[in-house]
Amino acid sequence: MLRLSQVKLRVITLFSLVLILSACSDPLPQDRLNYAGMWQSHEMALLILADGSVSYKRLKNGGTTSINGPLKEFDGDNFVVGIGPMATTFTVTEPPHQVDGQWQMVVDGVRLTKVEQ
């Protein structure tokens, strides 16, 4: 059985590791700055910051999926979020573009609109 001090040490170590790894994101490349912003639909919210931080939440089939982490890389129009082998690729079938004055893109089959701030 673990003593309370061992549990606290493990929690502090894990928290420290998460903080260090979250600082590993690289800023968005200049040619990808149009990906930055808050993107939304009825079932999905995707926040991409210029510093490379990503926050994602999707409602689907009665459940919620969420991811928070650094943007690792772009693969064509797609982008990869996560650290090491714990990464997720977001499939972008329509990169950011304007439609009637609003920015839109399609990620994982969902049309998102950029929320102006």
N, C-alpha and C. Protein backbone atom coordinates (compact mmCIF):
# COMPACT_ATOMS: atom_id res chain seq x y z
N MET A 1 0.84 -1.18 0.00
CA MET A 1 0.00 0.00 0.00
C MET A 1 0.89 1.24 0.00
N LEU A 2 0.54 2.20 -0.85
CA LEU A 2 1.31 3.44 -0.92
C LEU A 2 0.97 4.36 0.23
N ARG A 3 1.98 4.97 0.77
CA ARG A 3 1.75 5.97 1.81
C ARG A 3 1.32 7.26 1.15
N LEU A 4 0.67 8.12 1.91
CA LEU A 4 0.16 9.39 1.41
C LEU A 4 1.28 10.23 0.82
N SER A 5 2.46 10.24 1.42
CA SER A 5 3.56 11.06 0.91
C SER A 5 4.03 10.55 -0.45
N GLN A 6 3.97 9.23 -0.69
CA GLN A 6 4.34 8.69 -1.99
C GLN A 6 3.34 9.10 -3.06
N VAL A 7 2.08 9.09 -2.70
CA VAL A 7 1.03 9.51 -3.64
C VAL A 7 1.21 10.98 -3.98
N LYS A 8 1.46 11.81 -2.98
CA LYS A 8 1.67 13.25 -3.23
C LYS A 8 2.87 13.47 -4.14
N LEU A 9 3.94 12.72 -3.90
CA LEU A 9 5.14 12.86 -4.73
C LEU A 9 4.85 12.47 -6.17
N ARG A 10 4.10 11.41 -6.38
CA ARG A 10 3.75 10.98 -7.74
C ARG A 10 2.86 12.02 -8.43
N VAL A 11 1.91 12.58 -7.71
CA VAL A 11 1.03 13.60 -8.28
C VAL A 11 1.84 14.85 -8.66
N ILE A 12 2.73 15.27 -7.79
CA ILE A 12 3.57 16.44 -8.06
C ILE A 12 4.48 16.17 -9.25
N THR A 13 5.05 14.98 -9.33
CA THR A 13 5.92 14.61 -10.46
C THR A 13 5.14 14.62 -11.76
N LEU A 14 3.96 14.02 -11.76
CA LEU A 14 3.13 13.98 -12.96
C LEU A 14 2.72 15.38 -13.38
N PHE A 15 2.31 16.20 -12.44
CA PHE A 15 1.92 17.58 -12.74
C PHE A 15 3.10 18.36 -13.33
N SER A 16 4.27 18.19 -12.77
CA SER A 16 5.48 18.87 -13.27
C SER A 16 5.79 18.42 -14.69
N LEU A 17 5.67 17.12 -14.95
CA LEU A 17 5.93 16.59 -16.28
C LEU A 17 4.96 17.17 -17.30
N VAL A 18 3.68 17.26 -16.93
CA VAL A 18 2.68 17.85 -17.83
C VAL A 18 3.03 19.30 -18.13
N LEU A 19 3.43 20.06 -17.14
CA LEU A 19 3.80 21.46 -17.36
C LEU A 19 5.00 21.58 -18.29
N ILE A 20 5.99 20.75 -18.08
CA ILE A 20 7.19 20.79 -18.92
C ILE A 20 6.85 20.42 -20.35
N LEU A 21 6.08 19.36 -20.54
CA LEU A 21 5.73 18.92 -21.88
C LEU A 21 4.82 19.90 -22.60
N SER A 22 3.95 20.58 -21.86
CA SER A 22 3.06 21.55 -22.50
C SER A 22 3.83 22.76 -23.00
N ALA A 23 5.01 22.98 -22.46
CA ALA A 23 5.85 24.08 -22.92
C ALA A 23 6.60 23.72 -24.19
N CYS A 24 6.38 22.51 -24.71
CA CYS A 24 7.11 22.02 -25.88
C CYS A 24 6.49 22.44 -27.20
N SER A 25 5.40 23.16 -27.19
CA SER A 25 4.77 23.54 -28.45
C SER A 25 5.59 24.62 -29.14
N ASP A 26 5.60 24.54 -30.46
CA ASP A 26 6.25 25.55 -31.28
C ASP A 26 5.19 26.49 -31.83
N PRO A 27 5.54 27.76 -32.05
CA PRO A 27 4.57 28.68 -32.63
C PRO A 27 4.14 28.20 -34.02
N LEU A 28 2.96 28.63 -34.43
CA LEU A 28 2.49 28.29 -35.78
C LEU A 28 3.43 28.91 -36.82
N PRO A 29 3.72 28.19 -37.89
CA PRO A 29 4.51 28.79 -38.97
C PRO A 29 3.76 29.96 -39.59
N GLN A 30 4.48 30.90 -40.15
CA GLN A 30 3.87 32.09 -40.75
C GLN A 30 2.80 31.73 -41.77
N ASP A 31 3.04 30.70 -42.58
CA ASP A 31 2.08 30.33 -43.62
C ASP A 31 0.87 29.56 -43.08
N ARG A 32 0.81 29.34 -41.76
CA ARG A 32 -0.32 28.63 -41.15
C ARG A 32 -1.03 29.47 -40.10
N LEU A 33 -0.72 30.76 -40.01
CA LEU A 33 -1.35 31.61 -39.01
C LEU A 33 -2.87 31.72 -39.19
N ASN A 34 -3.36 31.44 -40.40
CA ASN A 34 -4.82 31.49 -40.60
C ASN A 34 -5.54 30.34 -39.88
N TYR A 35 -4.81 29.36 -39.37
CA TYR A 35 -5.40 28.30 -38.55
C TYR A 35 -5.69 28.80 -37.14
N ALA A 36 -5.00 29.84 -36.70
CA ALA A 36 -5.14 30.35 -35.33
C ALA A 36 -6.53 30.96 -35.12
N GLY A 37 -7.11 30.68 -33.96
CA GLY A 37 -8.39 31.27 -33.61
C GLY A 37 -9.31 30.25 -32.97
N MET A 38 -10.50 30.71 -32.65
CA MET A 38 -11.54 29.85 -32.07
C MET A 38 -12.48 29.44 -33.19
N TRP A 39 -12.55 28.13 -33.42
CA TRP A 39 -13.38 27.56 -34.48
C TRP A 39 -14.51 26.77 -33.82
N GLN A 40 -15.75 26.93 -34.34
CA GLN A 40 -16.88 26.26 -33.70
C GLN A 40 -17.91 25.75 -34.70
N SER A 41 -18.62 24.72 -34.26
CA SER A 41 -19.85 24.26 -34.88
C SER A 41 -20.77 23.86 -33.72
N HIS A 42 -21.90 23.27 -34.02
CA HIS A 42 -22.80 22.87 -32.93
C HIS A 42 -22.20 21.75 -32.08
N GLU A 43 -21.38 20.89 -32.71
CA GLU A 43 -20.85 19.75 -31.95
C GLU A 43 -19.36 19.82 -31.65
N MET A 44 -18.67 20.83 -32.15
CA MET A 44 -17.23 20.88 -31.97
C MET A 44 -16.74 22.29 -31.67
N ALA A 45 -15.73 22.37 -30.81
CA ALA A 45 -15.03 23.62 -30.53
C ALA A 45 -13.53 23.33 -30.63
N LEU A 46 -12.81 24.16 -31.37
CA LEU A 46 -11.39 23.97 -31.59
C LEU A 46 -10.69 25.32 -31.45
N LEU A 47 -9.81 25.40 -30.47
CA LEU A 47 -9.05 26.63 -30.24
C LEU A 47 -7.60 26.35 -30.60
N ILE A 48 -7.07 27.10 -31.54
CA ILE A 48 -5.67 26.99 -31.94
C ILE A 48 -5.03 28.35 -31.70
N LEU A 49 -4.04 28.40 -30.82
CA LEU A 49 -3.35 29.65 -30.53
C LEU A 49 -2.09 29.76 -31.36
N ALA A 50 -1.68 30.99 -31.61
CA ALA A 50 -0.49 31.25 -32.42
C ALA A 50 0.77 30.65 -31.79
N ASP A 51 0.75 30.43 -30.46
CA ASP A 51 1.92 29.83 -29.80
C ASP A 51 1.98 28.32 -29.97
N GLY A 52 0.99 27.72 -30.65
CA GLY A 52 0.98 26.29 -30.91
C GLY A 52 0.16 25.47 -29.93
N SER A 53 -0.53 26.12 -29.01
CA SER A 53 -1.40 25.41 -28.07
C SER A 53 -2.74 25.11 -28.74
N VAL A 54 -3.28 23.91 -28.46
CA VAL A 54 -4.54 23.49 -29.06
C VAL A 54 -5.46 22.94 -27.98
N SER A 55 -6.73 23.34 -28.04
CA SER A 55 -7.76 22.81 -27.16
C SER A 55 -8.95 22.41 -28.04
N TYR A 56 -9.41 21.18 -27.86
CA TYR A 56 -10.44 20.60 -28.72
C TYR A 56 -11.49 19.91 -27.87
N LYS A 57 -12.76 20.08 -28.26
CA LYS A 57 -13.85 19.37 -27.59
C LYS A 57 -14.91 19.05 -28.63
N ARG A 58 -15.37 17.79 -28.62
CA ARG A 58 -16.39 17.37 -29.57
C ARG A 58 -17.43 16.50 -28.90
N LEU A 59 -18.69 16.77 -29.19
CA LEU A 59 -19.81 15.96 -28.73
C LEU A 59 -20.20 15.04 -29.88
N LYS A 60 -20.24 13.73 -29.61
CA LYS A 60 -20.59 12.78 -30.67
C LYS A 60 -21.13 11.51 -30.04
N ASN A 61 -22.25 11.02 -30.56
CA ASN A 61 -22.86 9.77 -30.11
C ASN A 61 -23.08 9.75 -28.60
N GLY A 62 -23.49 10.86 -28.03
CA GLY A 62 -23.79 10.93 -26.62
C GLY A 62 -22.58 11.04 -25.71
N GLY A 63 -21.39 11.16 -26.28
CA GLY A 63 -20.17 11.28 -25.48
C GLY A 63 -19.38 12.51 -25.86
N THR A 64 -18.37 12.79 -25.06
CA THR A 64 -17.51 13.95 -25.29
C THR A 64 -16.07 13.49 -25.43
N THR A 65 -15.40 14.05 -26.43
CA THR A 65 -13.97 13.83 -26.60
C THR A 65 -13.29 15.18 -26.46
N SER A 66 -12.21 15.23 -25.70
CA SER A 66 -11.48 16.49 -25.59
C SER A 66 -9.98 16.21 -25.59
N ILE A 67 -9.25 17.16 -26.14
CA ILE A 67 -7.79 17.07 -26.23
C ILE A 67 -7.24 18.46 -25.96
N ASN A 68 -6.22 18.54 -25.15
CA ASN A 68 -5.49 19.77 -24.90
C ASN A 68 -4.01 19.43 -25.01
N GLY A 69 -3.29 20.14 -25.86
CA GLY A 69 -1.87 19.84 -25.99
C GLY A 69 -1.20 20.73 -27.00
N PRO A 70 0.08 20.49 -27.21
CA PRO A 70 0.83 21.28 -28.19
C PRO A 70 0.62 20.76 -29.60
N LEU A 71 0.66 21.65 -30.55
CA LEU A 71 0.62 21.28 -31.95
C LEU A 71 2.02 20.79 -32.32
N LYS A 72 2.13 19.54 -32.74
CA LYS A 72 3.43 18.94 -33.05
C LYS A 72 3.91 19.34 -34.44
N GLU A 73 2.99 19.21 -35.43
CA GLU A 73 3.40 19.45 -36.81
C GLU A 73 2.20 19.53 -37.72
N PHE A 74 2.45 20.02 -38.93
CA PHE A 74 1.48 19.97 -40.00
C PHE A 74 1.91 18.88 -40.96
N ASP A 75 0.93 18.14 -41.47
CA ASP A 75 1.16 17.12 -42.49
C ASP A 75 0.23 17.46 -43.64
N GLY A 76 0.73 18.24 -44.59
CA GLY A 76 -0.15 18.82 -45.60
C GLY A 76 -1.03 19.83 -44.91
N ASP A 77 -2.35 19.73 -45.11
CA ASP A 77 -3.29 20.62 -44.41
C ASP A 77 -3.66 20.08 -43.03
N ASN A 78 -3.41 18.80 -42.78
CA ASN A 78 -3.72 18.18 -41.49
C ASN A 78 -2.74 18.66 -40.43
N PHE A 79 -3.13 18.54 -39.17
CA PHE A 79 -2.20 18.89 -38.09
C PHE A 79 -2.26 17.85 -36.99
N VAL A 80 -1.12 17.69 -36.32
CA VAL A 80 -0.96 16.66 -35.28
C VAL A 80 -0.81 17.37 -33.94
N VAL A 81 -1.60 16.92 -32.95
CA VAL A 81 -1.58 17.50 -31.61
C VAL A 81 -1.22 16.41 -30.61
N GLY A 82 -0.30 16.72 -29.71
CA GLY A 82 0.06 15.77 -28.66
C GLY A 82 1.55 15.73 -28.43
N ILE A 83 1.94 14.73 -27.65
CA ILE A 83 3.34 14.58 -27.27
C ILE A 83 3.75 13.14 -27.53
N GLY A 84 4.83 12.98 -28.28
CA GLY A 84 5.34 11.65 -28.56
C GLY A 84 4.30 10.75 -29.19
N PRO A 85 4.20 9.52 -28.70
CA PRO A 85 3.24 8.59 -29.28
C PRO A 85 1.79 8.89 -28.91
N MET A 86 1.60 9.76 -27.94
CA MET A 86 0.24 10.14 -27.54
C MET A 86 -0.18 11.38 -28.32
N ALA A 87 -0.46 11.16 -29.59
CA ALA A 87 -0.79 12.27 -30.48
C ALA A 87 -2.02 11.92 -31.31
N THR A 88 -2.72 12.95 -31.76
CA THR A 88 -3.91 12.80 -32.58
C THR A 88 -3.75 13.65 -33.83
N THR A 89 -4.08 13.05 -34.97
CA THR A 89 -4.05 13.79 -36.24
C THR A 89 -5.46 14.29 -36.55
N PHE A 90 -5.57 15.57 -36.81
CA PHE A 90 -6.83 16.19 -37.22
C PHE A 90 -6.80 16.29 -38.74
N THR A 91 -7.78 15.66 -39.38
CA THR A 91 -7.85 15.64 -40.84
C THR A 91 -8.59 16.88 -41.33
N VAL A 92 -7.88 17.69 -42.10
CA VAL A 92 -8.45 18.93 -42.63
C VAL A 92 -8.72 18.74 -44.12
N THR A 93 -10.01 18.61 -44.49
CA THR A 93 -10.37 18.42 -45.89
C THR A 93 -10.58 19.76 -46.60
N GLU A 94 -10.84 20.81 -45.84
CA GLU A 94 -10.89 22.17 -46.40
C GLU A 94 -10.12 23.07 -45.45
N PRO A 95 -8.93 23.53 -45.85
CA PRO A 95 -8.16 24.42 -44.98
C PRO A 95 -8.89 25.76 -44.81
N PRO A 96 -8.44 26.58 -43.86
CA PRO A 96 -9.10 27.86 -43.62
C PRO A 96 -9.24 28.69 -44.90
N HIS A 97 -10.47 29.16 -45.13
CA HIS A 97 -10.77 30.00 -46.29
C HIS A 97 -12.00 30.84 -45.96
N GLN A 98 -12.18 31.91 -46.69
CA GLN A 98 -13.32 32.79 -46.43
C GLN A 98 -14.50 32.43 -47.33
N VAL A 99 -15.69 32.42 -46.72
CA VAL A 99 -16.95 32.21 -47.42
C VAL A 99 -17.88 33.33 -46.97
N ASP A 100 -18.24 34.20 -47.91
CA ASP A 100 -19.12 35.33 -47.59
C ASP A 100 -18.63 36.13 -46.39
N GLY A 101 -17.32 36.36 -46.32
CA GLY A 101 -16.75 37.18 -45.27
C GLY A 101 -16.48 36.46 -43.95
N GLN A 102 -16.78 35.16 -43.88
CA GLN A 102 -16.52 34.39 -42.66
C GLN A 102 -15.46 33.32 -42.95
N TRP A 103 -14.54 33.15 -42.00
CA TRP A 103 -13.53 32.10 -42.12
C TRP A 103 -14.16 30.76 -41.78
N GLN A 104 -13.91 29.76 -42.62
CA GLN A 104 -14.39 28.41 -42.39
C GLN A 104 -13.29 27.42 -42.69
N MET A 105 -13.40 26.23 -42.10
CA MET A 105 -12.58 25.09 -42.48
C MET A 105 -13.32 23.83 -42.08
N VAL A 106 -12.95 22.70 -42.69
CA VAL A 106 -13.57 21.42 -42.37
C VAL A 106 -12.51 20.54 -41.73
N VAL A 107 -12.78 20.14 -40.48
CA VAL A 107 -11.87 19.31 -39.69
C VAL A 107 -12.62 18.06 -39.27
N ASP A 108 -12.05 16.91 -39.58
CA ASP A 108 -12.65 15.62 -39.23
C ASP A 108 -14.11 15.55 -39.68
N GLY A 109 -14.38 16.09 -40.87
CA GLY A 109 -15.71 16.02 -41.46
C GLY A 109 -16.71 17.04 -40.94
N VAL A 110 -16.27 17.96 -40.08
CA VAL A 110 -17.16 18.96 -39.50
C VAL A 110 -16.77 20.35 -40.00
N ARG A 111 -17.76 21.08 -40.55
CA ARG A 111 -17.52 22.45 -41.00
C ARG A 111 -17.52 23.37 -39.79
N LEU A 112 -16.40 24.05 -39.61
CA LEU A 112 -16.22 24.97 -38.48
C LEU A 112 -16.17 26.40 -39.00
N THR A 113 -16.68 27.32 -38.20
CA THR A 113 -16.64 28.74 -38.51
C THR A 113 -15.80 29.43 -37.44
N LYS A 114 -14.93 30.32 -37.88
CA LYS A 114 -14.07 31.04 -36.94
C LYS A 114 -14.88 32.10 -36.23
N VAL A 115 -14.78 32.12 -34.90
CA VAL A 115 -15.48 33.09 -34.07
C VAL A 115 -14.64 34.34 -34.02
N GLU A 116 -15.19 35.45 -34.47
CA GLU A 116 -14.46 36.72 -34.43
C GLU A 116 -14.48 37.26 -33.01
N GLN A 117 -13.34 37.78 -32.58
CA GLN A 117 -13.23 38.24 -31.19
C GLN A 117 -13.21 39.73 -31.10
